[in-house]
PDB file of N, CA and C in Angstrom:
ATOM      1  N   UNK A   1     171.301-114.271  72.095  1.00  0.00           N
ATOM      2  CA  UNK A   1     171.751-112.986  72.563  1.00  0.00           C
ATOM      3  C   UNK A   1     173.181-113.257  73.038  1.00  0.00           C
ATOM      4  N   UNK A   2     174.269-112.369  72.728  1.00  0.00           N
ATOM      5  CA  UNK A   2     175.326-112.777  73.042  1.00  0.00           C
ATOM      6  C   UNK A   2     176.191-111.345  73.516  1.00  0.00           C
ATOM      7  N   UNK A   3     177.109-111.720  74.454  1.00  0.00           N
ATOM      8  CA  UNK A   3     177.864-110.765  75.143  1.00  0.00           C
ATOM      9  C   UNK A   3     179.291-111.038  74.983  1.00  0.00           C
ATOM     10  N   UNK A   4     179.843-110.078  74.323  1.00  0.00           N
ATOM     11  CA  UNK A   4     181.112-110.248  73.939  1.00  0.00           C
ATOM     12  C   UNK A   4     182.148-109.534  74.917  1.00  0.00           C
ATOM     13  N   UNK A   5     182.555-110.623  76.006  1.00  0.00           N
ATOM     14  CA  UNK A   5     183.510-110.054  77.060  1.00  0.00           C
ATOM     15  C   UNK A   5     185.174-110.333  76.839  1.00  0.00           C
ATOM     16  N   UNK A   6     185.286-110.693  75.787  1.00  0.00           N
ATOM     17  CA  UNK A   6     186.803-111.172  75.313  1.00  0.00           C
ATOM     18  C   UNK A   6     187.593-109.863  75.456  1.00  0.00           C
ATOM     19  N   UNK A   7     188.578-110.080  76.088  1.00  0.00           N
ATOM     20  CA  UNK A   7     189.809-109.040  76.799  1.00  0.00           C
ATOM     21  C   UNK A   7     189.443-108.493  77.937  1.00  0.00           C
ATOM     22  N   UNK A   8     188.226-108.698  78.613  1.00  0.00           N
ATOM     23  CA  UNK A   8     188.034-107.979  79.759  1.00  0.00           C
ATOM     24  C   UNK A   8     188.481-109.104  81.051  1.00  0.00           C
ATOM     25  N   UNK A   9     188.935-108.463  81.970  1.00  0.00           N
ATOM     26  CA  UNK A   9     189.330-109.263  83.172  1.00  0.00           C
ATOM     27  C   UNK A   9     188.359-109.222  84.267  1.00  0.00           C
ATOM     28  N   UNK A  10     188.259-110.004  85.165  1.00  0.00           N
ATOM     29  CA  UNK A  10     187.467-110.389  86.388  1.00  0.00           C
ATOM     30  C   UNK A  10     187.572-108.900  87.076  1.00  0.00           C
ATOM     31  N   UNK A  11     186.425-108.477  87.416  1.00  0.00           N
ATOM     32  CA  UNK A  11     184.917-109.126  87.499  1.00  0.00           C
ATOM     33  C   UNK A  11     183.955-108.673  86.263  1.00  0.00           C
ATOM     34  N   UNK A  12     184.821-108.123  85.287  1.00  0.00           N
ATOM     35  CA  UNK A  12     183.627-107.440  84.164  1.00  0.00           C
ATOM     36  C   UNK A  12     182.836-108.415  83.415  1.00  0.00           C
ATOM     37  N   UNK A  13     183.454-109.670  82.872  1.00  0.00           N
ATOM     38  CA  UNK A  13     182.649-110.685  82.334  1.00  0.00           C
ATOM     39  C   UNK A  13     181.596-110.919  83.106  1.00  0.00           C
ATOM     40  N   UNK A  14     181.365-111.297  84.238  1.00  0.00           N
ATOM     41  CA  UNK A  14     180.426-111.566  85.130  1.00  0.00           C
ATOM     42  C   UNK A  14     179.468-110.338  85.441  1.00  0.00           C
ATOM     43  N   UNK A  15     180.067-109.191  85.652  1.00  0.00           N
ATOM     44  CA  UNK A  15     179.070-108.172  85.911  1.00  0.00           C
ATOM     45  C   UNK A  15     178.245-107.826  84.506  1.00  0.00           C
ATOM     46  N   UNK A  16     179.037-107.799  83.394  1.00  0.00           N
ATOM     47  CA  UNK A  16     178.149-107.736  82.004  1.00  0.00           C
ATOM     48  C   UNK A  16     177.150-108.700  82.008  1.00  0.00           C
ATOM     49  N   UNK A  17     177.290-110.170  82.253  1.00  0.00           N
ATOM     50  CA  UNK A  17     176.284-110.892  82.282  1.00  0.00           C
ATOM     51  C   UNK A  17     175.296-111.012  83.009  1.00  0.00           C
ATOM     52  N   UNK A  18     175.656-110.167  84.082  1.00  0.00           N
ATOM     53  CA  UNK A  18     174.517-110.180  85.169  1.00  0.00           C
ATOM     54  C   UNK A  18     173.688-108.859  85.060  1.00  0.00           C
ATOM     55  N   UNK A  19     174.064-107.744  84.408  1.00  0.00           N
ATOM     56  CA  UNK A  19     173.543-106.611  83.890  1.00  0.00           C
ATOM     57  C   UNK A  19     172.412-107.149  82.884  1.00  0.00           C
ATOM     58  N   UNK A  20     172.946-107.990  81.896  1.00  0.00           N
ATOM     59  CA  UNK A  20     172.008-108.340  80.895  1.00  0.00           C
ATOM     60  C   UNK A  20     170.939-109.295  81.294  1.00  0.00           C
ATOM     61  N   UNK A  21     171.184-110.181  82.047  1.00  0.00           N
ATOM     62  CA  UNK A  21     170.308-111.122  82.544  1.00  0.00           C
ATOM     63  C   UNK A  21     169.056-110.328  83.315  1.00  0.00           C
ATOM     64  N   UNK A  22     169.491-109.141  84.125  1.00  0.00           N
ATOM     65  CA  UNK A  22     168.408-108.731  84.864  1.00  0.00           C
ATOM     66  C   UNK A  22     167.467-108.032  84.112  1.00  0.00           C
ATOM     67  N   UNK A  23     167.615-107.672  82.896  1.00  0.00           N
ATOM     68  CA  UNK A  23     166.498-107.184  81.953  1.00  0.00           C
ATOM     69  C   UNK A  23     166.060-108.209  80.922  1.00  0.00           C
ATOM     70  N   UNK A  24     166.342-109.428  81.323  1.00  0.00           N
ATOM     71  CA  UNK A  24     165.794-110.452  80.500  1.00  0.00           C
ATOM     72  C   UNK A  24     164.530-111.363  81.208  1.00  0.00           C
ATOM     73  N   UNK A  25     163.536-111.772  80.607  1.00  0.00           N
ATOM     74  CA  UNK A  25     162.748-112.788  81.250  1.00  0.00           C
ATOM     75  C   UNK A  25     163.317-114.119  81.619  1.00  0.00           C
ATOM     76  N   UNK A  26     162.662-114.734  82.656  1.00  0.00           N
ATOM     77  CA  UNK A  26     163.017-116.324  83.090  1.00  0.00           C
ATOM     78  C   UNK A  26     163.142-116.928  81.673  1.00  0.00           C
ATOM     79  N   UNK A  27     164.148-117.867  81.782  1.00  0.00           N
ATOM     80  CA  UNK A  27     164.227-118.809  80.572  1.00  0.00           C
ATOM     81  C   UNK A  27     164.945-118.280  79.339  1.00  0.00           C
ATOM     82  N   UNK A  28     165.233-117.016  79.405  1.00  0.00           N
ATOM     83  CA  UNK A  28     166.158-116.542  78.399  1.00  0.00           C
ATOM     84  C   UNK A  28     167.601-117.175  78.267  1.00  0.00           C
ATOM     85  N   UNK A  29     168.028-117.439  77.004  1.00  0.00           N
ATOM     86  CA  UNK A  29     169.577-117.895  77.237  1.00  0.00           C
ATOM     87  C   UNK A  29     170.324-116.709  76.626  1.00  0.00           C
ATOM     88  N   UNK A  30     171.506-116.672  77.168  1.00  0.00           N
ATOM     89  CA  UNK A  30     172.493-115.701  76.799  1.00  0.00           C
ATOM     90  C   UNK A  30     173.874-116.449  76.660  1.00  0.00           C
ATOM     91  N   UNK A  31     174.698-115.992  75.589  1.00  0.00           N
ATOM     92  CA  UNK A  31     175.968-116.565  75.302  1.00  0.00           C
ATOM     93  C   UNK A  31     176.842-115.554  75.824  1.00  0.00           C
ATOM     94  N   UNK A  32     177.722-116.170  76.674  1.00  0.00           N
ATOM     95  CA  UNK A  32     178.892-114.980  77.009  1.00  0.00           C
ATOM     96  C   UNK A  32     180.327-115.721  76.436  1.00  0.00           C
ATOM     97  N   UNK A  33     181.015-114.626  75.891  1.00  0.00           N
ATOM     98  CA  UNK A  33     182.180-114.911  75.187  1.00  0.00           C
ATOM     99  C   UNK A  33     183.311-114.380  76.182  1.00  0.00           C
ATOM    100  N   UNK A  34     184.250-115.209  76.720  1.00  0.00           N
ATOM    101  CA  UNK A  34     185.307-114.645  77.634  1.00  0.00           C
ATOM    102  C   UNK A  34     186.583-115.284  77.266  1.00  0.00           C
ATOM    103  N   UNK A  35     187.654-114.437  77.492  1.00  0.00           N
ATOM    104  CA  UNK A  35     189.086-114.889  77.663  1.00  0.00           C
ATOM    105  C   UNK A  35     189.561-114.823  79.012  1.00  0.00           C
ATOM    106  N   UNK A  36     188.996-114.203  79.910  1.00  0.00           N
ATOM    107  CA  UNK A  36     189.551-114.089  81.147  1.00  0.00           C
ATOM    108  C   UNK A  36     189.576-115.602  81.977  1.00  0.00           C
ATOM    109  N   UNK A  37     190.886-115.895  82.304  1.00  0.00           N
ATOM    110  CA  UNK A  37     191.021-117.348  82.996  1.00  0.00           C
ATOM    111  C   UNK A  37     190.300-117.539  84.036  1.00  0.00           C
ATOM    112  N   UNK A  38     189.842-116.542  84.958  1.00  0.00           N
ATOM    113  CA  UNK A  38     189.020-116.626  86.123  1.00  0.00           C
ATOM    114  C   UNK A  38     187.715-116.902  85.552  1.00  0.00           C
ATOM    115  N   UNK A  39     187.251-116.712  84.436  1.00  0.00           N
ATOM    116  CA  UNK A  39     185.614-116.813  84.152  1.00  0.00           C
ATOM    117  C   UNK A  39     185.162-118.389  84.475  1.00  0.00           C
ATOM    118  N   UNK A  40     186.234-119.454  84.273  1.00  0.00           N
ATOM    119  CA  UNK A  40     185.905-120.641  84.408  1.00  0.00           C
ATOM    120  C   UNK A  40     185.332-121.047  85.894  1.00  0.00           C
ATOM    121  N   UNK A  41     185.760-120.249  86.661  1.00  0.00           N
ATOM    122  CA  UNK A  41     185.411-120.192  88.225  1.00  0.00           C
ATOM    123  C   UNK A  41     184.068-119.242  88.333  1.00  0.00           C
ATOM    124  N   UNK A  42     184.334-118.145  88.099  1.00  0.00           N
ATOM    125  CA  UNK A  42     183.382-117.119  88.202  1.00  0.00           C
ATOM    126  C   UNK A  42     181.995-117.405  87.828  1.00  0.00           C
ATOM    127  N   UNK A  43     181.958-117.687  86.206  1.00  0.00           N
ATOM    128  CA  UNK A  43     180.570-117.896  85.807  1.00  0.00           C
ATOM    129  C   UNK A  43     179.821-118.920  86.474  1.00  0.00           C
ATOM    130  N   UNK A  44     180.175-120.201  86.615  1.00  0.00           N
ATOM    131  CA  UNK A  44     179.637-121.313  87.296  1.00  0.00           C
ATOM    132  C   UNK A  44     179.345-120.798  88.756  1.00  0.00           C
ATOM    133  N   UNK A  45     179.954-120.175  89.529  1.00  0.00           N
ATOM    134  CA  UNK A  45     179.761-119.707  90.989  1.00  0.00           C
ATOM    135  C   UNK A  45     178.524-118.636  90.770  1.00  0.00           C
ATOM    136  N   UNK A  46     178.705-117.581  89.875  1.00  0.00           N
ATOM    137  CA  UNK A  46     177.582-116.585  89.769  1.00  0.00           C
ATOM    138  C   UNK A  46     176.257-117.174  89.406  1.00  0.00           C
ATOM    139  N   UNK A  47     176.218-118.212  88.464  1.00  0.00           N
ATOM    140  CA  UNK A  47     175.044-118.851  88.192  1.00  0.00           C
ATOM    141  C   UNK A  47     174.489-119.411  89.415  1.00  0.00           C
ATOM    142  N   UNK A  48     175.340-120.301  90.177  1.00  0.00           N
ATOM    143  CA  UNK A  48     175.148-120.880  91.344  1.00  0.00           C
ATOM    144  C   UNK A  48     174.219-120.035  92.694  1.00  0.00           C
ATOM    145  N   UNK A  49     174.914-119.080  92.472  1.00  0.00           N
ATOM    146  CA  UNK A  49     174.656-117.935  93.649  1.00  0.00           C
ATOM    147  C   UNK A  49     173.310-117.025  93.352  1.00  0.00           C
ATOM    148  N   UNK A  50     173.151-116.952  92.133  1.00  0.00           N
ATOM    149  CA  UNK A  50     172.151-116.164  91.444  1.00  0.00           C
ATOM    150  C   UNK A  50     170.903-116.758  91.027  1.00  0.00           C
ATOM    151  N   UNK A  51     171.048-118.019  91.171  1.00  0.00           N
ATOM    152  CA  UNK A  51     169.719-118.894  90.711  1.00  0.00           C
ATOM    153  C   UNK A  51     169.605-119.091  88.943  1.00  0.00           C
ATOM    154  N   UNK A  52     170.649-118.815  88.437  1.00  0.00           N
ATOM    155  CA  UNK A  52     170.688-119.169  86.876  1.00  0.00           C
ATOM    156  C   UNK A  52     171.014-120.293  86.659  1.00  0.00           C
ATOM    157  N   UNK A  53     171.078-120.958  85.474  1.00  0.00           N
ATOM    158  CA  UNK A  53     171.579-122.334  85.005  1.00  0.00           C
ATOM    159  C   UNK A  53     172.695-122.096  83.956  1.00  0.00           C
ATOM    160  N   UNK A  54     173.775-122.686  84.300  1.00  0.00           N
ATOM    161  CA  UNK A  54     174.882-122.681  83.356  1.00  0.00           C
ATOM    162  C   UNK A  54     174.337-123.878  82.477  1.00  0.00           C
ATOM    163  N   UNK A  55     173.899-123.828  81.341  1.00  0.00           N
ATOM    164  CA  UNK A  55     173.569-124.636  80.296  1.00  0.00           C
ATOM    165  C   UNK A  55     174.766-125.555  79.857  1.00  0.00           C
ATOM    166  N   UNK A  56     176.044-124.839  79.522  1.00  0.00           N
ATOM    167  CA  UNK A  56     177.455-125.305  79.038  1.00  0.00           C
ATOM    168  C   UNK A  56     178.203-124.338  78.850  1.00  0.00           C
ATOM    169  N   UNK A  57     179.317-124.859  78.722  1.00  0.00           N
ATOM    170  CA  UNK A  57     180.483-124.163  78.094  1.00  0.00           C
ATOM    171  C   UNK A  57     181.367-125.046  77.446  1.00  0.00           C
ATOM    172  N   UNK A  58     182.160-124.270  76.552  1.00  0.00           N
ATOM    173  CA  UNK A  58     183.068-124.937  75.696  1.00  0.00           C
ATOM    174  C   UNK A  58     184.153-123.819  75.230  1.00  0.00           C
ATOM    175  N   UNK A  59     185.486-124.389  75.145  1.00  0.00           N
ATOM    176  CA  UNK A  59     186.537-123.533  74.339  1.00  0.00           C
ATOM    177  C   UNK A  59     186.125-123.513  72.930  1.00  0.00           C
ATOM    178  N   UNK A  60     186.203-122.359  72.424  1.00  0.00           N
ATOM    179  CA  UNK A  60     185.835-122.005  71.082  1.00  0.00           C
ATOM    180  C   UNK A  60     187.105-121.801  70.297  1.00  0.00           C
ATOM    181  N   UNK A  61     188.054-121.210  71.063  1.00  0.00           N
ATOM    182  CA  UNK A  61     189.629-121.059  70.420  1.00  0.00           C
ATOM    183  C   UNK A  61     190.305-120.990  71.749  1.00  0.00           C
ATOM    184  N   UNK A  62     191.841-121.270  71.240  1.00  0.00           N
ATOM    185  CA  UNK A  62     192.790-120.937  72.310  1.00  0.00           C
ATOM    186  C   UNK A  62     192.539-120.099  73.380  1.00  0.00           C
ATOM    187  N   UNK A  63     192.313-120.380  74.589  1.00  0.00           N
ATOM    188  CA  UNK A  63     192.156-119.071  75.584  1.00  0.00           C
ATOM    189  C   UNK A  63     190.840-118.539  75.333  1.00  0.00           C
ATOM    190  N   UNK A  64     189.836-118.971  74.621  1.00  0.00           N
ATOM    191  CA  UNK A  64     188.622-118.343  74.629  1.00  0.00           C
ATOM    192  C   UNK A  64     187.246-119.234  74.717  1.00  0.00           C
ATOM    193  N   UNK A  65     186.518-118.803  75.969  1.00  0.00           N
ATOM    194  CA  UNK A  65     185.356-119.791  76.246  1.00  0.00           C
ATOM    195  C   UNK A  65     184.125-119.078  75.979  1.00  0.00           C
ATOM    196  N   UNK A  66     183.212-119.977  75.541  1.00  0.00           N
ATOM    197  CA  UNK A  66     181.844-119.665  75.342  1.00  0.00           C
ATOM    198  C   UNK A  66     181.019-120.256  76.422  1.00  0.00           C
ATOM    199  N   UNK A  67     179.994-119.525  77.205  1.00  0.00           N
ATOM    200  CA  UNK A  67     179.287-119.838  78.221  1.00  0.00           C
ATOM    201  C   UNK A  67     177.832-119.672  77.865  1.00  0.00           C
ATOM    202  N   UNK A  68     177.123-120.566  78.019  1.00  0.00           N
ATOM    203  CA  UNK A  68     175.521-120.475  77.585  1.00  0.00           C
ATOM    204  C   UNK A  68     175.016-120.283  79.251  1.00  0.00           C
ATOM    205  N   UNK A  69     174.139-119.388  79.473  1.00  0.00           N
ATOM    206  CA  UNK A  69     173.695-119.146  80.617  1.00  0.00           C
ATOM    207  C   UNK A  69     172.106-118.974  80.392  1.00  0.00           C
ATOM    208  N   UNK A  70     171.243-119.770  81.300  1.00  0.00           N
ATOM    209  CA  UNK A  70     169.472-119.386  81.225  1.00  0.00           C
ATOM    210  C   UNK A  70     169.313-118.735  82.574  1.00  0.00           C
ATOM    211  N   UNK A  71     168.531-117.487  82.135  1.00  0.00           N
ATOM    212  CA  UNK A  71     168.138-116.628  83.361  1.00  0.00           C
ATOM    213  C   UNK A  71     167.100-117.445  84.149  1.00  0.00           C
ATOM    214  N   UNK A  72     167.436-117.431  85.298  1.00  0.00           N
ATOM    215  CA  UNK A  72     166.555-118.282  86.411  1.00  0.00           C
ATOM    216  C   UNK A  72     165.359-117.338  86.901  1.00  0.00           C
ATOM    217  N   UNK A  73     164.628-117.784  88.084  1.00  0.00           N
ATOM    218  CA  UNK A  73     163.561-117.172  88.333  1.00  0.00           C
ATOM    219  C   UNK A  73     163.612-115.644  88.955  1.00  0.00           C
ATOM    220  N   UNK A  74     164.764-115.566  89.519  1.00  0.00           N
ATOM    221  CA  UNK A  74     165.007-114.196  90.220  1.00  0.00           C
ATOM    222  C   UNK A  74     166.327-113.798  90.008  1.00  0.00           C
ATOM    223  N   UNK A  75     166.779-112.712  90.090  1.00  0.00           N
ATOM    224  CA  UNK A  75     167.927-112.128  89.904  1.00  0.00           C
ATOM    225  C   UNK A  75     168.166-111.432  91.302  1.00  0.00           C
ATOM    226  N   UNK A  76     169.340-111.764  91.956  1.00  0.00           N
ATOM    227  CA  UNK A  76     169.656-111.141  93.202  1.00  0.00           C
ATOM    228  C   UNK A  76     170.274-110.019  92.731  1.00  0.00           C
ATOM    229  N   UNK A  77     169.958-108.842  93.469  1.00  0.00           N
ATOM    230  CA  UNK A  77     170.566-107.556  93.373  1.00  0.00           C
ATOM    231  C   UNK A  77     171.482-107.189  94.395  1.00  0.00           C
ATOM    232  N   UNK A  78     172.752-106.997  94.302  1.00  0.00           N
ATOM    233  CA  UNK A  78     173.682-106.757  95.388  1.00  0.00           C
ATOM    234  C   UNK A  78     173.265-105.211  95.870  1.00  0.00           C
ATOM    235  N   UNK A  79     173.449-105.378  97.312  1.00  0.00           N
ATOM    236  CA  UNK A  79     173.495-104.044  97.842  1.00  0.00           C
ATOM    237  C   UNK A  79     174.743-103.006  97.641  1.00  0.00           C
ATOM    238  N   UNK A  80     174.511-101.897  97.461  1.00  0.00           N
ATOM    239  CA  UNK A  80     175.661-101.106  97.162  1.00  0.00           C
ATOM    240  C   UNK A  80     176.046-100.344  98.504  1.00  0.00           C
TER     241      UNK A  80
END
């Protein structure tokens, strides 16, 4: 499963990742494609805070990074 967040700026890549993960069972892996420079900080932080696992990340083109995230046991739901 892949999320194309290229061209989106903070916080949209992480929000799309969060929304997709909430609907998936534990252990499912999602690939996020992002060009936002802040994603290098935001994605690992989101995973650590939400109980998901950042399996890996790699630059796939100049300015474009691929993040592989595994759904953790629970998704924190932010209070509105």
